[in-house]
Amino acid sequence: MPTIKENLKKVLPTSTIRAIGSFRDSLVRLQDLPAAYFHPWRVETRKNLKKLQGIHKGERCFIIGNGPSLRNTDLSKLKDEYTIGMNRIYLMFPELGFATSYYLSVNDLVIEQCAQDIQALKMPRFVSWRSRQWLKPDPDLYFLYTTYTGKGFNTSARDRLWEGATVTYVALQLAFFLGFDQVILIGVDHNFETKGKPNTTIVSQGDDPNHFSPAYFGKGFRWQLPDLETSELAYSIARRAYEKYGRTVLDATVGGKLTVFEKVDFNTLFSK
């Protein structure tokens, strides 16, 4: 028996279907307004973000995913590079001997369970507006208005950012906003040993095989299964946005499964 949605697709133009979907998404986001723009914390964030817009024009940065491939990547080469680290990347800081230039996390479960760690970090940190229930205002802590719906690529991190089912997509929008001309992905394996329905919340039963450390989402940690299909859609949108403005995204992940961006050998990116 065809669903209502399937029947509508048969009789309505594609443009009308898209308009209906956009209207529905807008209704979902209404509950975030006006606080997402007029709450004092967001007003302060938007004012401070304006000072960061374009500050890295003409430069490059590395967005560091958290896949097991980081163990096969010579991260010492990044010590003097601009980097954006995400979620629990800070677990690697003691081993690295340095921290990333910027930090980003938008996943509710990660922020809820790691709020104390995130609050203690010293670099500029970007977190979702939803995380205000676990984090308090702090110098260099920026509350981004990120949403699950309303797909698109926003060149301004001061406004709403679609999450694209992966923090890496938000990082690509943030890197663009900061002005980076070239962005290089590493540790974005785009491959998970743990299988199941996308976005399902599960509790880890032991060591984590999906990230650079067994303790990343270790025993007892609540996390969501990835939505790789939506992530790939988001990455494709990001690629087109960067190309439109004459910028590039390269993928230097060792053995990564993502095929959206041009591949490059990590070791060739550095002068000898």
Protein backbone atom coordinates (compact mmCIF):
# COMPACT_ATOMS: atom_id res chain seq x y z
CA MET A 1 0.00 0.00 0.00
CA PRO A 2 1.63 3.31 -1.10
CA THR A 3 2.24 5.85 1.65
CA ILE A 4 0.82 9.38 1.54
CA LYS A 5 4.32 10.65 0.75
CA GLU A 6 4.66 8.24 -2.18
CA ASN A 7 1.25 9.26 -3.56
CA LEU A 8 2.17 12.96 -3.28
CA LYS A 9 5.34 12.36 -5.27
CA LYS A 10 3.23 10.97 -8.11
CA VAL A 11 0.94 13.98 -8.42
CA LEU A 12 2.96 16.98 -7.27
CA PRO A 13 5.93 18.63 -9.02
CA THR A 14 9.35 18.05 -7.45
CA SER A 15 9.64 21.77 -6.68
CA THR A 16 6.40 21.62 -4.67
CA ILE A 17 7.59 18.56 -2.73
CA ARG A 18 10.81 20.38 -1.87
CA ALA A 19 8.91 23.47 -0.77
CA ILE A 20 6.72 21.37 1.53
CA GLY A 21 9.80 19.72 3.00
CA SER A 22 11.48 23.08 3.56
CA PHE A 23 8.35 24.44 5.28
CA ARG A 24 8.17 21.37 7.52
CA ASP A 25 11.84 21.74 8.46
CA SER A 26 11.27 25.40 9.28
CA LEU A 27 8.43 24.48 11.63
CA VAL A 28 10.69 21.99 13.42
CA ARG A 29 13.26 24.73 14.02
CA LEU A 30 10.74 27.31 15.28
CA GLN A 31 11.17 26.04 18.83
CA ASP A 32 14.79 27.25 18.74
CA LEU A 33 13.77 30.82 18.04
CA PRO A 34 14.20 33.54 19.11
CA ALA A 35 16.75 32.30 21.68
CA ALA A 36 19.13 31.03 18.99
CA TYR A 37 19.64 34.63 17.90
CA PHE A 38 18.66 36.83 20.85
CA HIS A 39 19.73 34.95 23.97
CA PRO A 40 22.61 36.88 25.62
CA TRP A 41 25.02 33.95 25.17
CA ARG A 42 24.25 33.75 21.46
CA VAL A 43 24.42 37.53 21.06
CA GLU A 44 27.90 37.45 22.59
CA THR A 45 28.94 34.49 20.43
CA ARG A 46 27.74 36.15 17.21
CA LYS A 47 29.59 39.35 18.11
CA ASN A 48 32.82 37.49 18.84
CA LEU A 49 32.52 35.26 15.78
CA LYS A 50 32.48 38.35 13.59
CA LYS A 51 36.06 39.02 14.72
CA LEU A 52 37.12 35.55 13.52
CA GLN A 53 35.55 35.70 10.07
CA GLY A 54 38.20 35.35 7.37
CA ILE A 55 41.19 35.60 9.72
CA HIS A 56 42.93 32.65 7.99
CA LYS A 57 42.47 33.82 4.41
CA GLY A 58 45.08 32.24 2.13
CA GLU A 59 46.08 29.59 4.67
CA ARG A 60 45.39 25.88 5.05
CA CYS A 61 44.14 23.75 7.90
CA PHE A 62 43.72 20.10 8.77
CA ILE A 63 40.38 18.81 10.05
CA ILE A 64 41.23 15.84 12.23
CA GLY A 65 38.66 13.05 12.36
CA ASN A 66 38.87 10.42 15.06
CA GLY A 67 39.15 7.20 13.06
CA PRO A 68 41.62 4.36 13.73
CA SER A 69 43.67 5.57 10.74
CA LEU A 70 45.12 8.30 12.96
CA ARG A 71 47.32 5.53 14.36
CA ASN A 72 48.85 5.18 10.89
CA THR A 73 49.31 8.92 10.39
CA ASP A 74 52.41 10.87 11.45
CA LEU A 75 50.59 13.52 13.45
CA SER A 76 53.86 15.10 14.60
CA LYS A 77 53.87 16.86 11.22
CA LEU A 78 50.86 18.90 12.35
CA LYS A 79 52.53 20.62 15.29
CA ASP A 80 52.97 23.89 13.41
CA GLU A 81 49.83 23.59 11.26
CA TYR A 82 46.37 25.00 11.87
CA THR A 83 44.11 22.18 13.01
CA ILE A 84 40.48 21.63 13.97
CA GLY A 85 39.96 18.74 16.38
CA MET A 86 36.58 17.24 17.19
CA ASN A 87 34.72 15.44 19.97
CA ARG A 88 37.19 13.41 22.07
CA ILE A 89 40.35 14.28 20.12
CA TYR A 90 41.75 15.70 23.37
CA LEU A 91 42.41 12.13 24.54
CA MET A 92 45.36 12.21 22.13
CA PHE A 93 46.82 15.53 23.29
CA PRO A 94 49.15 14.10 25.98
CA GLU A 95 50.63 11.68 23.46
CA LEU A 96 50.95 14.32 20.76
CA GLY A 97 52.56 16.89 23.00
CA PHE A 98 50.39 19.64 21.55
CA ALA A 99 46.70 20.53 21.20
CA THR A 100 44.68 21.37 18.10
CA SER A 101 44.28 25.03 17.15
CA TYR A 102 40.50 24.81 17.44
CA TYR A 103 38.02 22.39 19.00
CA LEU A 104 34.49 21.53 17.82
CA SER A 105 31.69 19.32 19.13
CA VAL A 106 27.96 19.38 18.32
CA ASN A 107 26.79 15.91 19.37
CA ASP A 108 24.54 16.04 22.45
CA LEU A 109 25.67 12.70 23.85
CA VAL A 110 29.36 13.56 23.55
CA ILE A 111 28.93 16.98 25.12
CA GLU A 112 26.70 15.72 27.93
CA GLN A 113 29.14 12.98 28.95
CA CYS A 114 32.31 15.01 28.36
CA ALA A 115 31.20 18.49 29.46
CA GLN A 116 33.82 18.76 32.20
CA ASP A 117 36.62 17.88 29.77
CA ILE A 118 35.36 20.32 27.13
CA GLN A 119 34.95 23.13 29.65
CA ALA A 120 38.58 22.68 30.74
CA LEU A 121 40.11 22.92 27.25
CA LYS A 122 42.08 26.10 26.60
CA MET A 123 41.87 26.64 22.83
CA PRO A 124 38.92 28.32 21.05
CA ARG A 125 36.02 25.86 21.36
CA PHE A 126 32.89 25.70 19.21
CA VAL A 127 29.89 23.80 20.53
CA SER A 128 26.22 23.47 19.62
CA TRP A 129 23.71 25.92 21.07
CA ARG A 130 21.92 22.89 22.53
CA SER A 131 24.94 22.26 24.76
CA ARG A 132 24.13 25.30 26.92
CA GLN A 133 22.44 22.92 29.35
CA TRP A 134 25.82 21.29 30.11
CA LEU A 135 28.35 24.06 29.43
CA LYS A 136 28.64 27.58 30.77
CA PRO A 137 29.99 30.70 29.05
CA ASP A 138 33.74 30.93 29.03
CA PRO A 139 36.39 32.93 27.15
CA ASP A 140 36.89 31.39 23.70
CA LEU A 141 33.74 29.24 23.98
CA TYR A 142 31.39 29.83 21.05
CA PHE A 143 27.81 28.54 20.91
CA LEU A 144 26.94 27.64 17.31
CA TYR A 145 23.33 27.36 16.20
CA THR A 146 23.42 23.92 14.55
CA THR A 147 20.38 21.89 13.48
CA TYR A 148 19.52 18.39 12.30
CA THR A 149 17.19 19.64 9.55
CA GLY A 150 17.36 22.23 6.79
CA LYS A 151 20.21 20.90 4.67
CA GLY A 152 22.63 23.34 3.11
CA PHE A 153 26.12 24.82 3.42
CA ASN A 154 26.34 28.11 5.28
CA THR A 155 29.41 30.29 4.74
CA SER A 156 28.64 32.18 7.95
CA ALA A 157 29.13 30.39 11.26
CA ARG A 158 27.26 33.25 12.92
CA ASP A 159 24.00 31.88 11.54
CA ARG A 160 22.35 28.46 11.40
CA LEU A 161 24.53 25.52 10.35
CA TRP A 162 23.17 22.18 9.15
CA GLU A 163 24.97 19.30 10.88
CA GLY A 164 24.79 16.89 7.95
CA ALA A 165 24.85 13.89 10.33
CA THR A 166 28.53 14.44 11.12
CA VAL A 167 30.55 16.95 13.11
CA THR A 168 33.05 16.95 10.24
CA TYR A 169 30.52 18.72 8.03
CA VAL A 170 30.14 21.48 10.62
CA ALA A 171 33.95 21.67 10.74
CA LEU A 172 34.03 22.22 6.98
CA GLN A 173 31.60 25.13 7.33
CA LEU A 174 33.60 26.53 10.25
CA ALA A 175 36.89 26.25 8.33
CA PHE A 176 35.30 28.12 5.42
CA PHE A 177 34.09 30.86 7.76
CA LEU A 178 37.56 31.23 9.26
CA GLY A 179 38.85 31.85 5.75
CA PHE A 180 40.97 28.77 5.03
CA ASP A 181 41.58 28.34 1.30
CA GLN A 182 42.63 24.70 1.56
CA VAL A 183 41.20 22.17 3.99
CA ILE A 184 42.68 18.70 4.40
CA LEU A 185 40.82 15.84 6.06
CA ILE A 186 42.66 13.19 8.04
CA GLY A 187 41.27 10.46 10.27
CA VAL A 188 37.92 10.62 8.46
CA ASP A 189 37.76 6.87 7.89
CA HIS A 190 34.06 6.89 6.96
CA ASN A 191 33.89 3.27 8.08
CA PHE A 192 32.50 1.76 11.29
CA GLU A 193 32.82 -1.81 12.50
CA THR A 194 29.73 -1.39 14.67
CA LYS A 195 26.64 -1.81 12.49
CA GLY A 196 22.98 -0.94 12.99
CA LYS A 197 20.21 1.52 12.16
CA PRO A 198 21.63 5.02 11.62
CA ASN A 199 21.24 7.49 14.51
CA THR A 200 20.25 4.75 16.97
CA THR A 201 21.59 5.41 20.47
CA ILE A 202 23.52 2.47 21.90
CA VAL A 203 25.67 1.85 24.96
CA SER A 204 29.21 0.64 24.37
CA GLN A 205 29.81 -2.81 25.84
CA GLY A 206 33.61 -2.71 25.71
CA ASP A 207 36.60 -1.25 23.89
CA ASP A 208 35.83 1.06 20.97
CA PRO A 209 36.98 -0.37 17.59
CA ASN A 210 35.73 2.62 15.59
CA HIS A 211 38.08 5.36 16.79
CA PHE A 212 41.77 5.98 17.47
CA SER A 213 41.51 4.90 21.11
CA PRO A 214 39.73 1.91 22.68
CA ALA A 215 38.62 4.34 25.39
CA TYR A 216 37.10 6.84 22.94
CA PHE A 217 33.58 5.47 23.30
CA GLY A 218 34.59 2.92 25.91
CA LYS A 219 32.42 0.64 28.02
CA GLY A 220 29.29 2.38 29.28
CA PHE A 221 29.54 5.36 26.89
CA ARG A 222 26.30 6.26 25.11
CA TRP A 223 26.69 7.11 21.43
CA GLN A 224 24.77 7.18 18.15
CA LEU A 225 25.36 4.90 15.19
CA PRO A 226 26.54 6.85 12.11
CA ASP A 227 24.38 7.91 9.19
CA LEU A 228 26.97 7.55 6.43
CA GLU A 229 24.48 8.14 3.61
CA THR A 230 23.46 11.57 4.91
CA SER A 231 27.09 12.37 5.66
CA GLU A 232 28.05 11.65 2.05
CA LEU A 233 25.28 13.95 0.83
CA ALA A 234 26.59 16.68 3.14
CA TYR A 235 30.18 16.19 1.99
CA SER A 236 29.08 16.53 -1.64
CA ILE A 237 27.38 19.83 -0.80
CA ALA A 238 30.55 21.01 0.94
CA ARG A 239 32.73 20.07 -2.03
CA ARG A 240 30.56 22.09 -4.41
CA ALA A 241 30.54 25.08 -2.04
CA TYR A 242 34.32 25.12 -1.75
CA GLU A 243 34.73 24.77 -5.52
CA LYS A 244 32.27 27.61 -6.14
CA TYR A 245 34.51 29.98 -4.20
CA GLY A 246 37.77 28.68 -5.62
CA ARG A 247 38.75 26.79 -2.48
CA THR A 248 39.65 23.10 -2.08
CA VAL A 249 39.04 20.18 0.23
CA LEU A 250 41.49 17.28 0.06
CA ASP A 251 41.23 13.89 1.76
CA ALA A 252 44.53 12.62 3.18
CA THR A 253 42.96 9.95 5.41
CA VAL A 254 45.12 6.83 5.36
CA GLY A 255 42.96 4.04 3.91
CA GLY A 256 39.76 6.06 4.26
CA LYS A 257 36.56 4.88 2.57
CA LEU A 258 35.20 8.33 1.71
CA THR A 259 35.25 9.00 -2.04
CA VAL A 260 33.73 12.49 -2.24
CA PHE A 261 36.93 14.55 -2.09
CA GLU A 262 40.17 14.38 -4.05
CA LYS A 263 42.60 11.96 -2.43
CA VAL A 264 46.13 13.01 -1.55
CA ASP A 265 49.07 11.27 0.16
CA PHE A 266 49.44 12.83 3.62
CA ASN A 267 53.24 12.73 3.53
CA THR A 268 53.43 14.71 0.28
CA LEU A 269 51.84 17.73 1.93
CA PHE A 270 54.97 18.70 3.82
CA SER A 271 58.32 19.96 2.62
CA LYS A 272 61.24 17.75 3.58
